[in-house]
Amino acid sequence: MAQLKVTQVKSLIGANPKARESVRSLGLKRIHHSVLIEDTPQSRGYLHAARHLVAVAEAGAADEAAGTKRSGK
């Protein structure tokens, strides 16, 4: 299955609770933190709820070789 690279680009301060929980469920902990997730309907729902807080891109071969998580800075 395809993977998506998700990066938190905005703070959760002041975000609605549903979006905040969606970002945490994706495994993001801070701004500029990136994770690789499987492209499933469940993860698409999380991304839709928090679309104003995250940036999404398809994971390339370089991202997959580097591992599933990377530090923000």
Protein backbone atom coordinates (compact mmCIF):
# COMPACT_ATOMS: atom_id res chain seq x y z
CA MET A 1 0.00 0.00 0.00
CA ALA A 2 1.18 3.56 -0.65
CA GLN A 3 2.62 5.70 2.08
CA LEU A 4 2.10 9.37 2.80
CA LYS A 5 4.57 11.74 4.43
CA VAL A 6 2.68 13.95 6.88
CA THR A 7 4.26 17.03 8.47
CA GLN A 8 2.70 19.24 11.13
CA VAL A 9 3.01 22.85 9.94
CA LYS A 10 0.85 24.76 12.45
CA SER A 11 0.49 24.77 16.20
CA LEU A 12 -2.33 22.95 17.95
CA ILE A 13 -2.92 25.90 20.28
CA GLY A 14 -6.42 27.15 19.61
CA ALA A 15 -7.27 24.28 17.25
CA ASN A 16 -10.61 22.54 17.69
CA PRO A 17 -10.44 19.35 19.75
CA LYS A 18 -11.29 17.04 16.84
CA ALA A 19 -8.39 18.37 14.76
CA ARG A 20 -6.04 18.24 17.75
CA GLU A 21 -6.87 14.58 18.44
CA SER A 22 -6.49 13.73 14.76
CA VAL A 23 -2.98 15.20 14.67
CA ARG A 24 -2.01 13.25 17.79
CA SER A 25 -3.50 10.05 16.34
CA LEU A 26 -1.30 10.47 13.28
CA GLY A 27 1.73 10.40 15.59
CA LEU A 28 2.77 14.03 15.22
CA LYS A 29 4.18 15.66 18.33
CA ARG A 30 5.44 19.12 17.34
CA ILE A 31 5.69 21.58 14.47
CA HIS A 32 7.92 20.36 11.59
CA HIS A 33 7.70 16.77 12.87
CA SER A 34 7.17 14.30 10.01
CA VAL A 35 5.91 10.72 9.94
CA LEU A 36 5.21 8.15 7.25
CA ILE A 37 1.74 6.61 7.40
CA GLU A 38 -0.11 4.06 5.31
CA ASP A 39 -2.67 5.49 2.89
CA THR A 40 -5.88 4.06 4.35
CA PRO A 41 -9.42 5.45 4.63
CA GLN A 42 -8.89 5.89 8.38
CA SER A 43 -5.74 7.97 7.94
CA ARG A 44 -7.43 9.98 5.16
CA GLY A 45 -10.18 10.84 7.64
CA TYR A 46 -7.61 12.05 10.18
CA LEU A 47 -5.94 14.14 7.48
CA HIS A 48 -9.24 15.64 6.40
CA ALA A 49 -10.09 16.69 9.95
CA ALA A 50 -6.69 18.39 10.39
CA ARG A 51 -6.02 19.54 6.81
CA HIS A 52 -5.33 23.11 7.96
CA LEU A 53 -2.63 21.96 10.41
CA VAL A 54 -0.63 19.46 8.33
CA ALA A 55 1.12 19.16 4.98
CA VAL A 56 0.81 15.88 3.06
CA ALA A 57 3.00 14.46 0.29
CA GLU A 58 3.48 11.05 -1.24
CA ALA A 59 6.48 9.31 0.25
CA GLY A 60 9.34 8.77 -2.16
CA ALA A 61 11.98 6.04 -2.15
CA ALA A 62 14.39 8.28 -0.20
CA ASP A 63 11.83 8.81 2.59
CA GLU A 64 11.07 5.10 2.87
CA ALA A 65 14.77 4.21 3.05
CA ALA A 66 15.35 6.74 5.83
CA GLY A 67 12.85 5.08 8.19
CA THR A 68 9.30 5.61 9.37
CA LYS A 69 9.90 8.67 11.58
CA ARG A 70 12.29 11.56 11.60
CA SER A 71 12.99 14.40 13.97
CA GLY A 72 11.54 17.80 13.31
CA LYS A 73 14.76 19.80 13.28
